[in-house]
Amino acid sequence: MIIVKVINNNLVISENDDKQEVILMGKGLGYQKKIGDVVDDSTIEKKIR
């Protein structure tokens, strides 16, 4: 999943393979991330569609 917007260190909005926006939560998920970075699936704790 590709990051669309970083909300804070633990919350990002990303785009899944179907081009749908998804809110991802996880400890340190957005830390030092930028738009366009790929999210590591092992750091995702909760996914909201």
N, C-alpha and C. Protein backbone atom coordinates (compact mmCIF):
# COMPACT_ATOMS: atom_id res chain seq x y z
N MET A 1 0.83 -1.18 0.00
CA MET A 1 0.00 0.00 0.00
C MET A 1 0.88 1.24 0.00
N ILE A 2 0.44 2.25 -0.71
CA ILE A 2 1.20 3.48 -0.88
C ILE A 2 0.57 4.58 -0.02
N ILE A 3 1.39 5.35 0.68
CA ILE A 3 0.91 6.42 1.55
C ILE A 3 0.40 7.59 0.71
N VAL A 4 -0.81 8.05 1.04
CA VAL A 4 -1.41 9.21 0.40
C VAL A 4 -1.25 10.44 1.30
N LYS A 5 -1.42 10.23 2.63
CA LYS A 5 -1.30 11.34 3.59
C LYS A 5 -0.88 10.78 4.94
N VAL A 6 0.06 11.46 5.60
CA VAL A 6 0.48 11.09 6.95
C VAL A 6 -0.28 11.99 7.92
N ILE A 7 -1.08 11.39 8.79
CA ILE A 7 -1.84 12.14 9.78
C ILE A 7 -0.96 12.41 11.00
N ASN A 8 -0.36 11.37 11.56
CA ASN A 8 0.60 11.50 12.66
C ASN A 8 1.49 10.25 12.65
N ASN A 9 2.27 10.06 13.70
CA ASN A 9 3.21 8.94 13.74
C ASN A 9 2.53 7.57 13.69
N ASN A 10 1.27 7.52 14.11
CA ASN A 10 0.59 6.23 14.22
C ASN A 10 -0.56 6.04 13.25
N LEU A 11 -0.82 7.04 12.41
CA LEU A 11 -2.00 7.01 11.55
C LEU A 11 -1.68 7.57 10.17
N VAL A 12 -1.98 6.80 9.13
CA VAL A 12 -1.77 7.25 7.75
C VAL A 12 -2.98 6.89 6.90
N ILE A 13 -3.15 7.64 5.82
CA ILE A 13 -4.14 7.30 4.81
C ILE A 13 -3.36 6.75 3.63
N SER A 14 -3.76 5.59 3.15
CA SER A 14 -3.04 4.99 2.04
C SER A 14 -4.03 4.51 0.98
N GLU A 15 -3.48 4.06 -0.13
CA GLU A 15 -4.28 3.59 -1.25
C GLU A 15 -3.95 2.11 -1.46
N ASN A 16 -4.99 1.27 -1.47
CA ASN A 16 -4.74 -0.15 -1.66
C ASN A 16 -4.61 -0.48 -3.15
N ASP A 17 -4.51 -1.74 -3.48
CA ASP A 17 -4.30 -2.17 -4.86
C ASP A 17 -5.48 -1.84 -5.77
N ASP A 18 -6.68 -1.69 -5.18
CA ASP A 18 -7.88 -1.36 -5.95
C ASP A 18 -8.10 0.14 -6.04
N LYS A 19 -7.11 0.94 -5.66
CA LYS A 19 -7.16 2.41 -5.69
C LYS A 19 -8.21 2.98 -4.74
N GLN A 20 -8.52 2.25 -3.66
CA GLN A 20 -9.44 2.75 -2.63
C GLN A 20 -8.63 3.27 -1.46
N GLU A 21 -9.09 4.39 -0.86
CA GLU A 21 -8.39 4.95 0.29
C GLU A 21 -8.70 4.13 1.53
N VAL A 22 -7.66 3.88 2.32
CA VAL A 22 -7.76 3.08 3.53
C VAL A 22 -7.03 3.82 4.64
N ILE A 23 -7.60 3.83 5.85
CA ILE A 23 -6.93 4.41 7.01
C ILE A 23 -6.20 3.28 7.72
N LEU A 24 -4.91 3.47 7.97
CA LEU A 24 -4.10 2.46 8.63
C LEU A 24 -3.62 2.97 9.97
N MET A 25 -3.67 2.11 10.99
CA MET A 25 -3.20 2.46 12.32
C MET A 25 -2.13 1.46 12.74
N GLY A 26 -1.13 1.96 13.44
CA GLY A 26 -0.07 1.10 13.94
C GLY A 26 0.99 1.93 14.63
N LYS A 27 1.63 1.37 15.62
CA LYS A 27 2.64 2.10 16.38
C LYS A 27 3.81 2.49 15.47
N GLY A 28 4.04 3.79 15.32
CA GLY A 28 5.15 4.29 14.52
C GLY A 28 4.98 4.11 13.03
N LEU A 29 3.77 3.84 12.59
CA LEU A 29 3.52 3.57 11.17
C LEU A 29 3.88 4.74 10.26
N GLY A 30 3.60 5.96 10.71
CA GLY A 30 3.87 7.14 9.88
C GLY A 30 5.15 7.87 10.23
N TYR A 31 5.93 7.32 11.15
CA TYR A 31 7.15 8.00 11.60
C TYR A 31 8.16 8.10 10.46
N GLN A 32 8.56 9.32 10.14
CA GLN A 32 9.53 9.64 9.09
C GLN A 32 9.13 9.07 7.73
N LYS A 33 7.83 9.02 7.47
CA LYS A 33 7.32 8.56 6.17
C LYS A 33 6.84 9.76 5.37
N LYS A 34 6.86 9.63 4.07
CA LYS A 34 6.41 10.69 3.17
C LYS A 34 5.37 10.13 2.21
N ILE A 35 4.67 11.02 1.53
CA ILE A 35 3.70 10.61 0.53
C ILE A 35 4.42 9.82 -0.56
N GLY A 36 3.86 8.68 -0.91
CA GLY A 36 4.44 7.83 -1.94
C GLY A 36 5.26 6.68 -1.39
N ASP A 37 5.57 6.70 -0.09
CA ASP A 37 6.31 5.59 0.52
C ASP A 37 5.41 4.36 0.62
N VAL A 38 6.02 3.21 0.64
CA VAL A 38 5.29 1.94 0.77
C VAL A 38 5.19 1.59 2.25
N VAL A 39 4.01 1.12 2.66
CA VAL A 39 3.76 0.74 4.05
C VAL A 39 4.18 -0.70 4.26
N ASP A 40 4.92 -0.95 5.34
CA ASP A 40 5.31 -2.31 5.71
C ASP A 40 4.11 -2.98 6.39
N ASP A 41 3.63 -4.08 5.82
CA ASP A 41 2.43 -4.75 6.33
C ASP A 41 2.58 -5.25 7.76
N SER A 42 3.79 -5.50 8.21
CA SER A 42 3.99 -6.02 9.57
C SER A 42 3.73 -4.96 10.63
N THR A 43 3.72 -3.67 10.27
CA THR A 43 3.50 -2.61 11.24
C THR A 43 2.03 -2.19 11.34
N ILE A 44 1.17 -2.73 10.48
CA ILE A 44 -0.25 -2.38 10.49
C ILE A 44 -0.95 -3.15 11.60
N GLU A 45 -1.61 -2.40 12.52
CA GLU A 45 -2.37 -3.03 13.59
C GLU A 45 -3.86 -3.05 13.29
N LYS A 46 -4.35 -2.00 12.60
CA LYS A 46 -5.78 -1.90 12.29
C LYS A 46 -5.96 -1.23 10.94
N LYS A 47 -6.91 -1.74 10.17
CA LYS A 47 -7.20 -1.21 8.84
C LYS A 47 -8.67 -0.82 8.78
N ILE A 48 -8.95 0.44 8.41
CA ILE A 48 -10.32 0.93 8.31
C ILE A 48 -10.58 1.30 6.86
N ARG A 49 -11.61 0.71 6.27
CA ARG A 49 -11.91 0.96 4.85
C ARG A 49 -12.97 2.00 4.70
